[in-house]
Amino acid sequence: MTDWISLSNFAVAVAGLTIAVMSLLLAVFSRYMEKNVRAFFITFFLILIVYVCSDLISQISTIFLGPGFTALSKIMLFLESFFSSILMPMLSAYLIHCAEEDLKRHPLLLISGILWLTYVILLAVTQFTDVIYYYTPDNIYHRGPYYPVLLIPPAALMLLNLIAVLRRKKKLTSLQFKGFLAYVLIPLASMVIQMFFYGIYMIELGTAVASLVLFIYILGQQTDHYVRQQGENTNQRLNIAILQMRPHFIYNTMTSIYYLVAQDSVRAQQVISDFTNYLRKNFTAIATSEPILFAEELEHTRAYLAVEQVRFEGKLFVKYETEVTVFRLPPLTLQPIVENAVKHGVDPDLAPVTITIKTSETEEEICLSVEDTGVGFNYEEAENAGGALANIKERLKLMCDGSLTIMPREHGGTVVMIRLPKE
């Protein structure tokens, strides 16, 4: 025959098991946790599940199976007590890890180990005496006169961890501190309730709830760390992409200036001015990690093309159809595209090339295109190639959620189209 207290304890254990299994699944499928942290929590929750399952089987043995299953009840209670005791030293070790302290011969870990070993010894002795707890032949559990002695080591472990958490507040993140504090205080409160209200089992549920709270706080901290790390990685990738785009025409420009000085000093001065403006814009762009105004990028491109038109006199012409100018794009976007058009399209031995820079807009996006009348090139290779265009495409996606496509021009040549969503 069962009473309401037994049924309540059984329901509490089922609730604890449900929370433990749910927590394990969260740990297994969490995307943002570091590998070692996920491994810790998976192990932690597996031990918690074994602990709660042992308690459930023990309760089934005493409540529903009754006499004849005393040995099963004793074994399950021993396993329940043993596996539950492992969790606190694990918490001590993880606290040391989060505080970035050396685990080797750490005083907290040493004291935790001594307290845990003391508890295991008491638990082992309990199997051969009735002074702490015992089962009657009809499979009924009873506490002995020295039952509180068994709770001293785990209570001391909880207090030790509580003090350790409070002392390391400045070494922990806010989320870590809250999680560790919750894990210590909730089971401690549950233990106090269980000590003074005989027959009510609260530690299992309290431990499961505390474990879930700890996990949620640590998951929050790990997610914050992941987001920050991704942001740093993105910035590094953007910086690398920008730095890879070095101007390839500097030496040729200096050579052109060298000969112009003797032939046409006025034009040489203008080229030096344009070239200086180009370099200034280039260095400014390299140092910029945020999208810039299109007008700045266009000025940079004009300076570049002015220099190139001196090199390819009579072979390079430029048209600007830029009615739309009020938008932003990543630095070093337009100029490298135009440079690429000059590199692949202009040939002193072939017909002159015209490069047309256009901007337009719709209700949803800004369009920027660079058309050239050159010989064109392999568009599939261009789409998949590395170098300037691949870097531009990646930065457009990362910084502006924009896109870049390369296509053949209707009457020969190439079109590079950039689409940017309106803010």
Protein backbone atom coordinates (compact mmCIF):
# COMPACT_ATOMS: atom_id res chain seq x y z
CA MET A 1 0.00 0.00 0.00
CA THR A 2 1.33 3.45 -0.91
CA ASP A 3 0.75 6.79 0.80
CA TRP A 4 0.73 10.30 -0.63
CA ILE A 5 4.30 10.99 0.53
CA SER A 6 5.64 7.97 -1.38
CA LEU A 7 3.72 8.94 -4.50
CA SER A 8 4.93 12.54 -4.16
CA ASN A 9 8.55 11.38 -3.87
CA PHE A 10 8.09 9.19 -6.92
CA ALA A 11 6.67 12.13 -8.89
CA VAL A 12 9.56 14.32 -7.74
CA ALA A 13 12.08 11.73 -8.97
CA VAL A 14 10.32 11.47 -12.35
CA ALA A 15 10.42 15.26 -12.65
CA GLY A 16 14.13 15.21 -11.79
CA LEU A 17 14.80 12.56 -14.43
CA THR A 18 12.87 14.53 -17.05
CA ILE A 19 14.92 17.65 -16.31
CA ALA A 20 18.18 15.66 -16.40
CA VAL A 21 17.37 14.06 -19.77
CA MET A 22 16.28 17.40 -21.21
CA SER A 23 19.51 18.98 -20.00
CA LEU A 24 21.57 16.19 -21.55
CA LEU A 25 19.86 16.69 -24.92
CA LEU A 26 20.51 20.43 -24.73
CA ALA A 27 24.18 19.77 -24.05
CA VAL A 28 24.49 17.23 -26.88
CA PHE A 29 22.89 19.47 -29.49
CA SER A 30 24.24 22.82 -28.34
CA ARG A 31 25.99 24.59 -31.23
CA TYR A 32 27.86 27.29 -29.37
CA MET A 33 29.62 25.43 -26.57
CA GLU A 34 33.32 24.69 -26.63
CA LYS A 35 34.16 21.03 -27.12
CA ASN A 36 35.62 20.49 -23.64
CA VAL A 37 32.72 22.34 -21.94
CA ARG A 38 30.16 20.27 -23.86
CA ALA A 39 32.02 17.08 -22.89
CA PHE A 40 31.97 18.15 -19.23
CA PHE A 41 28.22 18.77 -19.20
CA ILE A 42 27.42 15.60 -21.14
CA THR A 43 29.36 13.60 -18.53
CA PHE A 44 27.78 15.63 -15.74
CA PHE A 45 24.23 14.99 -16.94
CA LEU A 46 24.88 11.31 -17.61
CA ILE A 47 25.98 10.91 -13.99
CA LEU A 48 22.92 12.89 -12.90
CA ILE A 49 20.66 10.58 -14.93
CA VAL A 50 22.24 7.45 -13.39
CA TYR A 51 21.79 9.04 -9.96
CA VAL A 52 18.10 9.84 -10.49
CA CYS A 53 17.41 6.48 -12.19
CA SER A 54 18.92 4.67 -9.21
CA ASP A 55 16.59 6.62 -6.94
CA LEU A 56 13.59 5.80 -9.12
CA ILE A 57 14.39 2.08 -9.12
CA SER A 58 14.91 2.22 -5.35
CA GLN A 59 11.51 3.83 -4.92
CA ILE A 60 9.85 1.32 -7.26
CA SER A 61 11.46 -1.47 -5.24
CA THR A 62 10.20 -0.16 -1.89
CA ILE A 63 6.83 1.28 -2.97
CA PHE A 64 5.58 -1.18 -5.57
CA LEU A 65 7.63 -4.38 -5.23
CA GLY A 66 7.79 -4.57 -1.43
CA PRO A 67 9.13 -7.55 0.59
CA GLY A 68 11.57 -9.79 -1.20
CA PHE A 69 13.35 -6.94 -2.97
CA THR A 70 15.32 -5.50 -0.03
CA ALA A 71 18.68 -6.26 -1.68
CA LEU A 72 17.64 -4.36 -4.82
CA SER A 73 16.58 -1.39 -2.72
CA LYS A 74 19.90 -1.34 -0.84
CA ILE A 75 21.96 -1.57 -4.04
CA MET A 76 20.00 1.19 -5.76
CA LEU A 77 20.22 3.48 -2.74
CA PHE A 78 23.97 2.91 -2.59
CA LEU A 79 24.34 3.75 -6.31
CA GLU A 80 22.09 6.77 -5.90
CA SER A 81 24.21 8.08 -3.02
CA PHE A 82 27.51 7.28 -4.74
CA PHE A 83 26.73 8.92 -8.08
CA SER A 84 25.15 11.96 -6.46
CA SER A 85 28.34 12.49 -4.46
CA ILE A 86 30.47 12.76 -7.64
CA LEU A 87 28.71 15.91 -8.83
CA MET A 88 30.10 18.31 -6.22
CA PRO A 89 33.80 17.51 -6.80
CA MET A 90 33.11 17.85 -10.52
CA LEU A 91 31.69 21.29 -9.82
CA SER A 92 34.83 22.18 -7.85
CA ALA A 93 37.04 21.16 -10.77
CA TYR A 94 34.93 23.09 -13.29
CA LEU A 95 34.95 26.17 -11.05
CA ILE A 96 38.76 26.08 -10.95
CA HIS A 97 38.80 25.74 -14.73
CA CYS A 98 36.45 28.70 -15.26
CA ALA A 99 38.53 30.82 -12.88
CA GLU A 100 41.55 29.94 -15.07
CA GLU A 101 43.49 28.42 -12.17
CA ASP A 102 45.80 25.42 -12.33
CA LEU A 103 44.02 22.17 -11.46
CA LYS A 104 47.21 20.41 -10.39
CA ARG A 105 47.39 20.14 -6.58
CA HIS A 106 44.80 22.87 -6.20
CA PRO A 107 43.72 23.21 -2.51
CA LEU A 108 40.02 23.35 -3.41
CA LEU A 109 40.27 20.17 -5.45
CA LEU A 110 42.33 18.47 -2.73
CA ILE A 111 39.85 19.31 0.05
CA SER A 112 36.92 18.35 -2.17
CA GLY A 113 38.58 15.01 -2.85
CA ILE A 114 39.12 14.36 0.87
CA LEU A 115 35.50 15.19 1.71
CA TRP A 116 34.21 13.03 -1.16
CA LEU A 117 36.41 10.09 -0.09
CA THR A 118 35.19 10.48 3.51
CA TYR A 119 31.59 10.32 2.29
CA VAL A 120 32.27 7.20 0.18
CA ILE A 121 33.90 5.48 3.18
CA LEU A 122 30.91 6.33 5.40
CA LEU A 123 28.60 5.09 2.66
CA ALA A 124 30.50 1.80 2.44
CA VAL A 125 30.44 1.35 6.23
CA THR A 126 26.70 2.01 6.19
CA GLN A 127 26.13 -1.17 4.18
CA PHE A 128 27.27 -3.20 7.19
CA THR A 129 25.64 -1.31 10.09
CA ASP A 130 22.27 0.11 11.10
CA VAL A 131 23.50 3.29 12.78
CA ILE A 132 23.15 5.56 9.70
CA TYR A 133 20.32 3.98 7.68
CA TYR A 134 18.97 0.49 7.11
CA TYR A 135 16.24 -1.56 5.48
CA THR A 136 13.98 -3.88 7.44
CA PRO A 137 13.37 -7.43 6.10
CA ASP A 138 10.03 -6.24 4.67
CA ASN A 139 11.89 -3.68 2.49
CA ILE A 140 11.16 -0.52 4.47
CA TYR A 141 13.79 2.20 4.68
CA HIS A 142 14.71 3.71 8.10
CA ARG A 143 17.19 6.34 9.22
CA GLY A 144 19.55 5.37 12.03
CA PRO A 145 20.55 7.57 14.99
CA TYR A 146 23.71 8.79 13.20
CA TYR A 147 22.11 9.52 9.85
CA PRO A 148 23.12 13.25 10.00
CA VAL A 149 26.78 12.15 10.09
CA LEU A 150 26.43 10.88 6.51
CA LEU A 151 25.29 14.32 5.38
CA ILE A 152 28.23 16.21 6.91
CA PRO A 153 30.73 15.61 4.03
CA PRO A 154 28.30 16.59 1.21
CA ALA A 155 27.11 19.59 3.23
CA ALA A 156 30.72 20.61 3.82
CA LEU A 157 31.38 20.19 0.10
CA MET A 158 28.49 22.51 -0.72
CA LEU A 159 29.67 25.13 1.76
CA LEU A 160 33.24 24.79 0.48
CA ASN A 161 32.07 25.36 -3.08
CA LEU A 162 29.88 28.26 -1.97
CA ILE A 163 32.88 29.98 -0.37
CA ALA A 164 35.02 29.17 -3.42
CA VAL A 165 32.42 30.69 -5.77
CA LEU A 166 32.10 33.86 -3.67
CA ARG A 167 35.89 34.28 -3.48
CA ARG A 168 36.22 33.96 -7.26
CA LYS A 169 33.45 36.37 -8.19
CA LYS A 170 35.90 38.74 -9.90
CA LYS A 171 37.46 35.91 -11.89
CA LEU A 172 34.15 34.67 -13.26
CA THR A 173 31.81 36.25 -15.76
CA SER A 174 28.45 37.43 -14.45
CA LEU A 175 26.67 34.43 -15.99
CA GLN A 176 29.23 31.96 -14.63
CA PHE A 177 28.95 33.41 -11.13
CA LYS A 178 25.15 33.24 -11.13
CA GLY A 179 25.20 29.66 -12.45
CA PHE A 180 27.67 28.36 -9.85
CA LEU A 181 25.85 30.18 -7.05
CA ALA A 182 22.52 28.66 -8.08
CA TYR A 183 24.00 25.18 -8.28
CA VAL A 184 25.33 25.39 -4.72
CA LEU A 185 22.37 27.10 -3.05
CA ILE A 186 19.48 25.11 -4.56
CA PRO A 187 20.75 21.64 -3.52
CA LEU A 188 21.81 23.06 -0.15
CA ALA A 189 18.28 24.30 0.47
CA SER A 190 16.92 20.93 -0.69
CA MET A 191 19.23 19.11 1.72
CA VAL A 192 18.05 21.26 4.63
CA ILE A 193 14.43 20.46 3.78
CA GLN A 194 15.21 16.75 3.56
CA MET A 195 17.08 16.76 6.89
CA PHE A 196 14.20 18.30 8.85
CA PHE A 197 11.20 16.80 7.05
CA TYR A 198 11.58 13.06 7.23
CA GLY A 199 10.21 11.11 4.28
CA ILE A 200 10.31 13.93 1.73
CA TYR A 201 12.99 13.51 -0.93
CA MET A 202 13.93 16.90 -2.37
CA ILE A 203 17.63 16.59 -3.15
CA GLU A 204 17.13 14.79 -6.49
CA LEU A 205 14.80 17.45 -7.86
CA GLY A 206 16.88 20.27 -6.38
CA THR A 207 20.06 18.89 -7.93
CA ALA A 208 18.40 18.44 -11.33
CA VAL A 209 16.96 21.95 -11.30
CA ALA A 210 20.28 23.42 -10.13
CA SER A 211 22.14 21.53 -12.87
CA LEU A 212 19.80 22.90 -15.53
CA VAL A 213 20.14 26.44 -14.17
CA LEU A 214 23.94 26.12 -14.15
CA PHE A 215 23.92 24.77 -17.69
CA ILE A 216 21.68 27.57 -18.98
CA TYR A 217 23.92 30.25 -17.46
CA ILE A 218 27.09 28.59 -18.83
CA LEU A 219 25.41 28.16 -22.21
CA GLY A 220 24.61 31.88 -22.18
CA GLN A 221 28.22 32.69 -21.36
CA GLN A 222 29.49 30.34 -24.07
CA THR A 223 27.08 31.83 -26.61
CA ASP A 224 28.29 35.36 -25.77
CA HIS A 225 31.88 34.16 -26.17
CA TYR A 226 31.04 32.47 -29.48
CA VAL A 227 29.38 35.61 -30.86
CA ARG A 228 32.34 37.79 -29.82
CA GLN A 229 34.79 35.28 -31.31
CA GLN A 230 32.86 35.18 -34.56
CA GLY A 231 32.93 38.96 -34.69
CA GLU A 232 36.70 38.98 -34.13
CA ASN A 233 37.18 36.29 -36.77
CA THR A 234 35.06 38.26 -39.21
CA ASN A 235 37.12 41.40 -38.61
CA GLN A 236 40.33 39.43 -39.09
CA ARG A 237 39.03 37.96 -42.34
CA LEU A 238 37.99 41.41 -43.55
CA ASN A 239 41.37 42.90 -42.65
CA ILE A 240 43.20 40.09 -44.43
CA ALA A 241 40.94 40.48 -47.46
CA ILE A 242 41.63 44.22 -47.62
CA LEU A 243 45.38 43.85 -47.13
CA GLN A 244 45.54 41.26 -49.91
CA MET A 245 44.38 43.88 -52.42
CA ARG A 246 47.68 45.65 -53.08
CA PRO A 247 47.87 47.93 -56.14
CA HIS A 248 49.70 46.17 -58.97
CA PHE A 249 50.40 49.18 -61.11
CA ILE A 250 52.65 51.23 -58.78
CA TYR A 251 55.89 50.35 -60.53
CA ASN A 252 54.41 51.01 -63.98
CA THR A 253 53.08 54.36 -62.78
CA MET A 254 56.46 55.40 -61.44
CA THR A 255 58.01 54.45 -64.77
CA SER A 256 55.41 56.55 -66.64
CA ILE A 257 56.12 59.52 -64.39
CA TYR A 258 59.85 59.07 -64.98
CA TYR A 259 59.46 59.47 -68.74
CA LEU A 260 56.79 62.20 -68.49
CA VAL A 261 59.09 64.40 -66.42
CA ALA A 262 61.34 64.80 -69.46
CA GLN A 263 58.55 64.95 -72.06
CA ASP A 264 55.72 66.91 -70.39
CA SER A 265 56.44 68.25 -66.91
CA VAL A 266 52.93 69.70 -66.51
CA ARG A 267 51.30 66.33 -67.17
CA ALA A 268 53.87 64.67 -64.96
CA GLN A 269 52.85 66.96 -62.10
CA GLN A 270 49.18 66.11 -62.69
CA VAL A 271 49.95 62.38 -62.70
CA ILE A 272 51.94 62.75 -59.47
CA SER A 273 48.98 64.60 -57.93
CA ASP A 274 46.52 61.90 -59.06
CA PHE A 275 48.86 59.14 -57.97
CA THR A 276 49.35 60.75 -54.54
CA ASN A 277 45.59 61.10 -54.17
CA TYR A 278 45.18 57.46 -55.14
CA LEU A 279 47.75 56.28 -52.58
CA ARG A 280 46.21 58.42 -49.84
CA LYS A 281 42.78 56.96 -50.56
CA ASN A 282 44.23 53.47 -50.71
CA PHE A 283 45.95 53.73 -47.32
CA THR A 284 42.81 55.27 -45.79
CA ALA A 285 40.72 52.39 -47.14
CA ILE A 286 43.12 49.78 -45.77
CA ALA A 287 42.79 51.32 -42.29
CA THR A 288 38.96 51.39 -42.49
CA SER A 289 36.94 48.40 -41.31
CA GLU A 290 33.44 49.88 -41.76
CA PRO A 291 31.46 50.63 -44.95
CA ILE A 292 32.29 54.02 -46.48
CA LEU A 293 30.35 56.52 -48.60
CA PHE A 294 30.21 55.69 -52.30
CA ALA A 295 31.47 59.20 -53.07
CA GLU A 296 34.75 58.44 -51.30
CA GLU A 297 35.17 55.17 -53.17
CA LEU A 298 34.35 56.93 -56.45
CA GLU A 299 36.98 59.62 -55.80
CA HIS A 300 39.52 56.88 -55.12
CA THR A 301 38.59 55.21 -58.41
CA ARG A 302 38.80 58.48 -60.36
CA ALA A 303 42.34 59.04 -59.08
CA TYR A 304 43.32 55.52 -60.13
CA LEU A 305 41.81 55.85 -63.60
CA ALA A 306 43.44 59.25 -64.15
CA VAL A 307 46.83 57.60 -63.67
CA GLU A 308 45.95 54.64 -65.88
CA GLN A 309 44.70 56.90 -68.69
CA VAL A 310 48.17 58.42 -68.85
CA ARG A 311 49.74 54.98 -69.13
CA PHE A 312 47.26 53.86 -71.79
CA GLU A 313 46.84 57.14 -73.62
CA GLY A 314 44.24 56.83 -76.39
CA LYS A 315 43.42 53.26 -75.34
CA LEU A 316 41.34 53.80 -72.18
CA PHE A 317 38.19 55.90 -71.88
CA VAL A 318 35.87 56.25 -68.91
CA LYS A 319 32.18 57.12 -68.57
CA TYR A 320 30.48 57.97 -65.27
CA GLU A 321 26.71 57.50 -64.98
CA THR A 322 26.46 57.84 -61.21
CA GLU A 323 23.19 59.58 -60.46
CA VAL A 324 22.76 57.58 -57.23
CA THR A 325 25.56 58.33 -54.75
CA VAL A 326 23.96 58.26 -51.29
CA PHE A 327 24.84 54.78 -50.12
CA ARG A 328 27.67 52.92 -48.43
CA LEU A 329 29.79 49.98 -49.45
CA PRO A 330 32.95 48.25 -48.14
CA PRO A 331 36.21 50.15 -48.72
CA LEU A 332 38.24 49.00 -51.71
CA THR A 333 35.22 47.70 -53.61
CA LEU A 334 34.85 49.78 -56.77
CA GLN A 335 38.52 50.58 -57.37
CA PRO A 336 39.76 46.93 -57.46
CA ILE A 337 36.90 46.02 -59.83
CA VAL A 338 37.89 48.83 -62.17
CA GLU A 339 41.56 47.84 -61.83
CA ASN A 340 40.58 44.30 -62.77
CA ALA A 341 38.75 45.62 -65.85
CA VAL A 342 41.85 47.56 -66.92
CA LYS A 343 44.12 44.59 -66.30
CA HIS A 344 42.01 42.14 -68.34
CA GLY A 345 40.49 44.49 -70.90
CA VAL A 346 43.09 47.04 -71.98
CA ASP A 347 45.77 45.98 -74.45
CA PRO A 348 47.97 48.50 -76.31
CA ASP A 349 47.83 46.25 -79.40
CA LEU A 350 44.00 46.05 -79.49
CA ALA A 351 41.13 48.50 -79.93
CA PRO A 352 40.51 51.14 -77.25
CA VAL A 353 38.44 50.11 -74.23
CA THR A 354 35.68 52.09 -72.58
CA ILE A 355 34.85 51.50 -68.91
CA THR A 356 31.42 52.67 -67.76
CA ILE A 357 30.59 53.04 -64.06
CA LYS A 358 26.83 53.13 -63.40
CA THR A 359 24.62 53.39 -60.33
CA SER A 360 20.86 52.94 -60.11
CA GLU A 361 18.26 52.06 -57.52
CA THR A 362 14.95 50.28 -57.05
CA GLU A 363 12.61 50.26 -54.09
CA GLU A 364 14.62 47.47 -52.46
CA GLU A 365 18.25 47.82 -53.57
CA ILE A 366 21.11 49.87 -54.93
CA CYS A 367 22.82 48.63 -58.10
CA LEU A 368 26.41 49.46 -59.02
CA SER A 369 27.90 48.14 -62.25
CA VAL A 370 31.26 48.32 -63.99
CA GLU A 371 31.11 47.58 -67.72
CA ASP A 372 34.08 47.33 -70.05
CA THR A 373 34.34 46.79 -73.80
CA GLY A 374 37.48 44.69 -73.51
CA VAL A 375 38.15 41.14 -74.64
CA GLY A 376 36.45 39.59 -71.62
CA PHE A 377 37.54 36.42 -69.82
CA ASN A 378 36.27 33.08 -68.50
CA TYR A 379 33.29 34.00 -66.32
CA GLU A 380 32.95 30.64 -64.54
CA GLU A 381 36.60 30.82 -63.53
CA ALA A 382 36.13 34.44 -62.47
CA GLU A 383 33.19 33.52 -60.23
CA ASN A 384 35.24 30.87 -58.43
CA ALA A 385 38.64 32.52 -58.53
CA GLY A 386 40.48 33.88 -55.54
CA GLY A 387 42.06 37.32 -55.40
CA ALA A 388 40.43 40.73 -55.53
CA LEU A 389 36.98 39.81 -56.85
CA ALA A 390 36.57 36.90 -54.41
CA ASN A 391 37.61 39.17 -51.53
CA ILE A 392 35.16 41.86 -52.62
CA LYS A 393 32.36 39.32 -52.90
CA GLU A 394 33.04 38.01 -49.40
CA ARG A 395 33.27 41.47 -47.85
CA LEU A 396 30.07 42.61 -49.56
CA LYS A 397 28.24 39.65 -48.03
CA LEU A 398 29.74 40.05 -44.56
CA MET A 399 29.53 43.83 -44.23
CA CYS A 400 26.46 44.80 -46.27
CA ASP A 401 24.61 41.56 -47.09
CA GLY A 402 25.33 42.48 -50.71
CA SER A 403 26.16 40.37 -53.76
CA LEU A 404 28.55 40.45 -56.71
CA THR A 405 27.99 38.78 -60.06
CA ILE A 406 30.15 38.67 -63.19
CA MET A 407 28.61 38.30 -66.64
CA PRO A 408 29.48 38.88 -70.30
CA ARG A 409 28.51 42.20 -71.85
CA GLU A 410 26.01 42.00 -74.71
CA HIS A 411 28.35 43.43 -77.37
CA GLY A 412 31.60 42.10 -75.97
CA GLY A 413 33.42 42.77 -72.75
CA THR A 414 32.47 42.20 -69.14
CA VAL A 415 29.92 43.45 -66.62
CA VAL A 416 30.46 43.25 -62.86
CA MET A 417 27.23 43.92 -60.98
CA ILE A 418 26.96 44.75 -57.27
CA ARG A 419 23.59 44.74 -55.51
CA LEU A 420 23.19 46.27 -52.07
CA PRO A 421 19.97 46.11 -50.04
CA LYS A 422 18.66 49.48 -48.94
CA GLU A 423 18.98 50.19 -45.22
